[in-house]
């Protein structure tokens, strides 16, 4: 009888810890729950990395999170080849998720802008099988992303995009 109670207590504790851990997950190719802490909103005149968090949400939604190395979230609107390389038109967004339904993710526009993509930038898009594949920036000009146009992004002090990773949404 004591073993059953101990096992039940251990199982219950593990479930609680797992639920707590789910809220802070940042696995790049997991469900939308992996998108769990939004960056703070920044003035429109700053670079993408400054565009970080959403305000307090009274609807019970939680801010999304992004991988530690990334600066925040963006929606890829278009890409074009320029004399200097590739330029992307983006919408910097904040993100919130319903803690009860991790597939219910809302993106809110912070601002729209255009940024150069640094030569050699790490760009990961989803293949049709939902695995990440690495592409070069020129790929963005003539191809469409498989899943959604939303990405984690990273930029440098010169306001160039240095990494993009498409966000998986079921």
C-alpha atoms as a PDB file:
ATOM      1  CA  UNK A   1       0.000   0.000   0.000  1.00  0.00           C
ATOM      2  CA  UNK A   2       2.852   2.409   0.855  1.00  0.00           C
ATOM      3  CA  UNK A   3       4.484   1.647  -2.497  1.00  0.00           C
ATOM      4  CA  UNK A   4       1.277   2.529  -4.345  1.00  0.00           C
ATOM      5  CA  UNK A   5       0.991   5.841  -2.496  1.00  0.00           C
ATOM      6  CA  UNK A   6       4.668   6.596  -3.112  1.00  0.00           C
ATOM      7  CA  UNK A   7       4.314   5.755  -6.793  1.00  0.00           C
ATOM      8  CA  UNK A   8       1.183   7.904  -7.074  1.00  0.00           C
ATOM      9  CA  UNK A   9       2.911  10.793  -5.294  1.00  0.00           C
ATOM     10  CA  UNK A  10       5.972  10.460  -7.511  1.00  0.00           C
ATOM     11  CA  UNK A  11       3.827  10.313 -10.667  1.00  0.00           C
ATOM     12  CA  UNK A  12       1.806  13.351  -9.566  1.00  0.00           C
ATOM     13  CA  UNK A  13       4.970  15.307  -8.757  1.00  0.00           C
ATOM     14  CA  UNK A  14       6.486  14.410 -12.117  1.00  0.00           C
ATOM     15  CA  UNK A  15       3.321  15.528 -13.923  1.00  0.00           C
ATOM     16  CA  UNK A  16       3.345  18.870 -12.093  1.00  0.00           C
ATOM     17  CA  UNK A  17       7.027  19.420 -12.894  1.00  0.00           C
ATOM     18  CA  UNK A  18       6.418  18.493 -16.534  1.00  0.00           C
ATOM     19  CA  UNK A  19       3.527  20.954 -16.800  1.00  0.00           C
ATOM     20  CA  UNK A  20       5.659  23.689 -15.247  1.00  0.00           C
ATOM     21  CA  UNK A  21       8.502  22.925 -17.651  1.00  0.00           C
ATOM     22  CA  UNK A  22       6.176  23.037 -20.683  1.00  0.00           C
ATOM     23  CA  UNK A  23       5.517  26.720 -20.112  1.00  0.00           C
ATOM     24  CA  UNK A  24       9.197  27.585 -20.567  1.00  0.00           C
ATOM     25  CA  UNK A  25      10.081  25.212 -23.399  1.00  0.00           C
ATOM     26  CA  UNK A  26      11.908  26.684 -26.377  1.00  0.00           C
ATOM     27  CA  UNK A  27      12.445  23.681 -28.650  1.00  0.00           C
ATOM     28  CA  UNK A  28      12.594  25.074 -32.175  1.00  0.00           C
ATOM     29  CA  UNK A  29      10.616  22.376 -33.993  1.00  0.00           C
ATOM     30  CA  UNK A  30       8.082  21.467 -31.340  1.00  0.00           C
ATOM     31  CA  UNK A  31       4.477  22.605 -31.310  1.00  0.00           C
ATOM     32  CA  UNK A  32       3.436  26.204 -30.920  1.00  0.00           C
ATOM     33  CA  UNK A  33       3.976  25.832 -27.174  1.00  0.00           C
ATOM     34  CA  UNK A  34       7.667  26.094 -27.922  1.00  0.00           C
ATOM     35  CA  UNK A  35       6.961  29.691 -28.755  1.00  0.00           C
ATOM     36  CA  UNK A  36       6.584  30.900 -25.137  1.00  0.00           C
ATOM     37  CA  UNK A  37       8.127  34.417 -24.276  1.00  0.00           C
ATOM     38  CA  UNK A  38       7.630  37.420 -26.498  1.00  0.00           C
ATOM     39  CA  UNK A  39      10.145  40.165 -26.969  1.00  0.00           C
ATOM     40  CA  UNK A  40       9.322  43.681 -25.690  1.00  0.00           C
ATOM     41  CA  UNK A  41       7.901  46.295 -28.020  1.00  0.00           C
ATOM     42  CA  UNK A  42      10.441  48.875 -29.119  1.00  0.00           C
ATOM     43  CA  UNK A  43      10.262  52.243 -30.786  1.00  0.00           C
ATOM     44  CA  UNK A  44       9.719  51.977 -34.547  1.00  0.00           C
ATOM     45  CA  UNK A  45      13.074  53.625 -35.265  1.00  0.00           C
ATOM     46  CA  UNK A  46      15.172  50.849 -33.765  1.00  0.00           C
ATOM     47  CA  UNK A  47      16.528  47.608 -35.229  1.00  0.00           C
ATOM     48  CA  UNK A  48      14.711  44.273 -34.979  1.00  0.00           C
ATOM     49  CA  UNK A  49      16.615  43.101 -31.900  1.00  0.00           C
ATOM     50  CA  UNK A  50      15.158  45.979 -29.938  1.00  0.00           C
ATOM     51  CA  UNK A  51      11.605  44.901 -30.775  1.00  0.00           C
ATOM     52  CA  UNK A  52      11.040  42.750 -27.887  1.00  0.00           C
ATOM     53  CA  UNK A  53       7.903  42.017 -25.552  1.00  0.00           C
ATOM     54  CA  UNK A  54       4.208  42.187 -25.421  1.00  0.00           C
ATOM     55  CA  UNK A  55       2.328  44.117 -22.774  1.00  0.00           C
ATOM     56  CA  UNK A  56       0.392  42.509 -19.958  1.00  0.00           C
ATOM     57  CA  UNK A  57      -2.468  40.473 -21.371  1.00  0.00           C
ATOM     58  CA  UNK A  58      -5.666  40.378 -19.344  1.00  0.00           C
ATOM     59  CA  UNK A  59      -7.152  37.513 -21.393  1.00  0.00           C
ATOM     60  CA  UNK A  60      -5.019  34.898 -19.637  1.00  0.00           C
ATOM     61  CA  UNK A  61      -2.675  34.485 -22.606  1.00  0.00           C
ATOM     62  CA  UNK A  62       1.045  34.128 -21.946  1.00  0.00           C
ATOM     63  CA  UNK A  63       3.895  35.778 -23.859  1.00  0.00           C
ATOM     64  CA  UNK A  64       5.723  33.405 -26.199  1.00  0.00           C
ATOM     65  CA  UNK A  65       9.363  32.477 -25.738  1.00  0.00           C
ATOM     66  CA  UNK A  66      12.108  32.214 -28.301  1.00  0.00           C
ATOM     67  CA  UNK A  67      15.434  30.374 -28.263  1.00  0.00           C
ATOM     68  CA  UNK A  68      17.999  32.235 -26.168  1.00  0.00           C
ATOM     69  CA  UNK A  69      20.246  33.081 -29.131  1.00  0.00           C
ATOM     70  CA  UNK A  70      17.380  34.672 -31.049  1.00  0.00           C
ATOM     71  CA  UNK A  71      16.252  38.300 -30.799  1.00  0.00           C
ATOM     72  CA  UNK A  72      12.507  37.838 -31.244  1.00  0.00           C
ATOM     73  CA  UNK A  73       9.788  37.079 -33.793  1.00  0.00           C
ATOM     74  CA  UNK A  74       9.065  38.310 -37.279  1.00  0.00           C
ATOM     75  CA  UNK A  75       6.759  37.612 -40.173  1.00  0.00           C
ATOM     76  CA  UNK A  76       8.602  37.320 -43.475  1.00  0.00           C
ATOM     77  CA  UNK A  77       6.670  39.433 -45.975  1.00  0.00           C
ATOM     78  CA  UNK A  78       9.048  39.203 -48.949  1.00  0.00           C
ATOM     79  CA  UNK A  79      12.681  38.987 -49.978  1.00  0.00           C
ATOM     80  CA  UNK A  80      14.531  40.453 -52.923  1.00  0.00           C
ATOM     81  CA  UNK A  81      18.014  40.379 -54.332  1.00  0.00           C
ATOM     82  CA  UNK A  82      19.837  43.713 -54.207  1.00  0.00           C
ATOM     83  CA  UNK A  83      23.256  44.896 -55.294  1.00  0.00           C
ATOM     84  CA  UNK A  84      24.536  44.135 -51.778  1.00  0.00           C
ATOM     85  CA  UNK A  85      22.854  40.724 -51.334  1.00  0.00           C
ATOM     86  CA  UNK A  86      19.376  39.921 -50.049  1.00  0.00           C
ATOM     87  CA  UNK A  87      16.984  42.369 -48.432  1.00  0.00           C
ATOM     88  CA  UNK A  88      13.929  41.131 -46.516  1.00  0.00           C
ATOM     89  CA  UNK A  89      10.715  43.023 -45.879  1.00  0.00           C
ATOM     90  CA  UNK A  90       9.401  41.920 -42.507  1.00  0.00           C
ATOM     91  CA  UNK A  91       6.804  42.629 -39.895  1.00  0.00           C
ATOM     92  CA  UNK A  92       8.286  42.544 -36.400  1.00  0.00           C
ATOM     93  CA  UNK A  93       5.680  40.887 -34.175  1.00  0.00           C
ATOM     94  CA  UNK A  94       5.008  40.122 -30.543  1.00  0.00           C
ATOM     95  CA  UNK A  95       3.502  36.770 -29.698  1.00  0.00           C
ATOM     96  CA  UNK A  96       1.116  35.321 -27.129  1.00  0.00           C
ATOM     97  CA  UNK A  97      -0.152  31.793 -26.550  1.00  0.00           C
ATOM     98  CA  UNK A  98      -3.190  30.384 -24.780  1.00  0.00           C
ATOM     99  CA  UNK A  99      -1.774  28.313 -21.890  1.00  0.00           C
ATOM    100  CA  UNK A 100      -4.746  25.932 -22.155  1.00  0.00           C
ATOM    101  CA  UNK A 101      -4.343  25.379 -25.923  1.00  0.00           C
ATOM    102  CA  UNK A 102      -0.723  25.706 -27.058  1.00  0.00           C
ATOM    103  CA  UNK A 103      -1.842  25.671 -30.709  1.00  0.00           C
ATOM    104  CA  UNK A 104      -3.703  28.975 -30.164  1.00  0.00           C
ATOM    105  CA  UNK A 105      -0.932  31.476 -30.934  1.00  0.00           C
ATOM    106  CA  UNK A 106      -1.563  35.148 -31.735  1.00  0.00           C
ATOM    107  CA  UNK A 107       0.946  37.442 -33.412  1.00  0.00           C
ATOM    108  CA  UNK A 108       0.556  41.203 -33.048  1.00  0.00           C
ATOM    109  CA  UNK A 109       2.285  43.659 -35.380  1.00  0.00           C
ATOM    110  CA  UNK A 110       4.894  45.859 -33.713  1.00  0.00           C
ATOM    111  CA  UNK A 111       6.205  47.484 -36.910  1.00  0.00           C
ATOM    112  CA  UNK A 112       7.160  46.763 -40.505  1.00  0.00           C
ATOM    113  CA  UNK A 113      10.590  47.373 -41.962  1.00  0.00           C
ATOM    114  CA  UNK A 114      13.237  46.121 -44.366  1.00  0.00           C
ATOM    115  CA  UNK A 115      16.583  44.626 -43.335  1.00  0.00           C
ATOM    116  CA  UNK A 116      19.615  43.246 -45.140  1.00  0.00           C
ATOM    117  CA  UNK A 117      20.484  39.599 -44.586  1.00  0.00           C
ATOM    118  CA  UNK A 118      24.164  39.143 -43.761  1.00  0.00           C
ATOM    119  CA  UNK A 119      26.094  36.942 -46.187  1.00  0.00           C
ATOM    120  CA  UNK A 120      26.418  33.497 -44.618  1.00  0.00           C
ATOM    121  CA  UNK A 121      23.418  34.002 -42.308  1.00  0.00           C
ATOM    122  CA  UNK A 122      22.029  30.771 -40.817  1.00  0.00           C
ATOM    123  CA  UNK A 123      18.573  30.334 -42.337  1.00  0.00           C
ATOM    124  CA  UNK A 124      16.498  27.315 -41.357  1.00  0.00           C
ATOM    125  CA  UNK A 125      13.156  26.594 -42.994  1.00  0.00           C
ATOM    126  CA  UNK A 126      10.824  23.661 -42.595  1.00  0.00           C
ATOM    127  CA  UNK A 127      10.859  20.949 -45.234  1.00  0.00           C
ATOM    128  CA  UNK A 128       7.549  19.288 -46.183  1.00  0.00           C
ATOM    129  CA  UNK A 129       8.245  16.611 -43.506  1.00  0.00           C
ATOM    130  CA  UNK A 130       8.504  19.403 -40.852  1.00  0.00           C
ATOM    131  CA  UNK A 131      12.251  18.905 -40.354  1.00  0.00           C
ATOM    132  CA  UNK A 132      14.439  21.994 -40.479  1.00  0.00           C
ATOM    133  CA  UNK A 133      16.656  22.421 -43.525  1.00  0.00           C
ATOM    134  CA  UNK A 134      19.363  25.039 -44.021  1.00  0.00           C
ATOM    135  CA  UNK A 135      19.070  27.356 -47.022  1.00  0.00           C
ATOM    136  CA  UNK A 136      20.934  30.439 -48.184  1.00  0.00           C
ATOM    137  CA  UNK A 137      19.312  33.877 -48.152  1.00  0.00           C
ATOM    138  CA  UNK A 138      18.771  33.859 -51.933  1.00  0.00           C
ATOM    139  CA  UNK A 139      16.418  30.875 -51.456  1.00  0.00           C
ATOM    140  CA  UNK A 140      13.953  33.227 -49.721  1.00  0.00           C
ATOM    141  CA  UNK A 141      13.599  35.315 -52.896  1.00  0.00           C
ATOM    142  CA  UNK A 142      12.086  32.614 -55.101  1.00  0.00           C
ATOM    143  CA  UNK A 143      10.658  30.013 -52.694  1.00  0.00           C
ATOM    144  CA  UNK A 144       7.763  29.922 -50.280  1.00  0.00           C
ATOM    145  CA  UNK A 145       8.042  28.615 -46.746  1.00  0.00           C
ATOM    146  CA  UNK A 146       6.170  25.354 -46.121  1.00  0.00           C
ATOM    147  CA  UNK A 147       4.402  26.141 -42.865  1.00  0.00           C
ATOM    148  CA  UNK A 148       3.881  29.777 -41.887  1.00  0.00           C
ATOM    149  CA  UNK A 149       5.750  33.002 -42.594  1.00  0.00           C
ATOM    150  CA  UNK A 150       6.732  33.359 -38.909  1.00  0.00           C
ATOM    151  CA  UNK A 151      10.367  33.098 -37.835  1.00  0.00           C
ATOM    152  CA  UNK A 152      12.604  33.521 -34.832  1.00  0.00           C
ATOM    153  CA  UNK A 153      15.254  36.008 -35.878  1.00  0.00           C
ATOM    154  CA  UNK A 154      18.665  37.196 -34.768  1.00  0.00           C
ATOM    155  CA  UNK A 155      20.353  40.409 -35.818  1.00  0.00           C
ATOM    156  CA  UNK A 156      23.672  42.094 -35.221  1.00  0.00           C
ATOM    157  CA  UNK A 157      24.613  45.617 -34.044  1.00  0.00           C
ATOM    158  CA  UNK A 158      24.655  46.786 -37.699  1.00  0.00           C
ATOM    159  CA  UNK A 159      20.971  45.755 -37.931  1.00  0.00           C
ATOM    160  CA  UNK A 160      21.622  42.916 -40.361  1.00  0.00           C
ATOM    161  CA  UNK A 161      19.696  39.657 -40.030  1.00  0.00           C
ATOM    162  CA  UNK A 162      22.209  36.969 -39.035  1.00  0.00           C
ATOM    163  CA  UNK A 163      19.809  34.048 -38.487  1.00  0.00           C
ATOM    164  CA  UNK A 164      16.239  33.051 -39.268  1.00  0.00           C
ATOM    165  CA  UNK A 165      14.446  29.930 -38.122  1.00  0.00           C
ATOM    166  CA  UNK A 166      10.940  29.138 -39.303  1.00  0.00           C
ATOM    167  CA  UNK A 167       8.498  28.455 -36.464  1.00  0.00           C
ATOM    168  CA  UNK A 168       6.534  25.225 -36.629  1.00  0.00           C
ATOM    169  CA  UNK A 169       2.776  25.549 -36.129  1.00  0.00           C
ATOM    170  CA  UNK A 170       0.609  22.428 -36.181  1.00  0.00           C
END
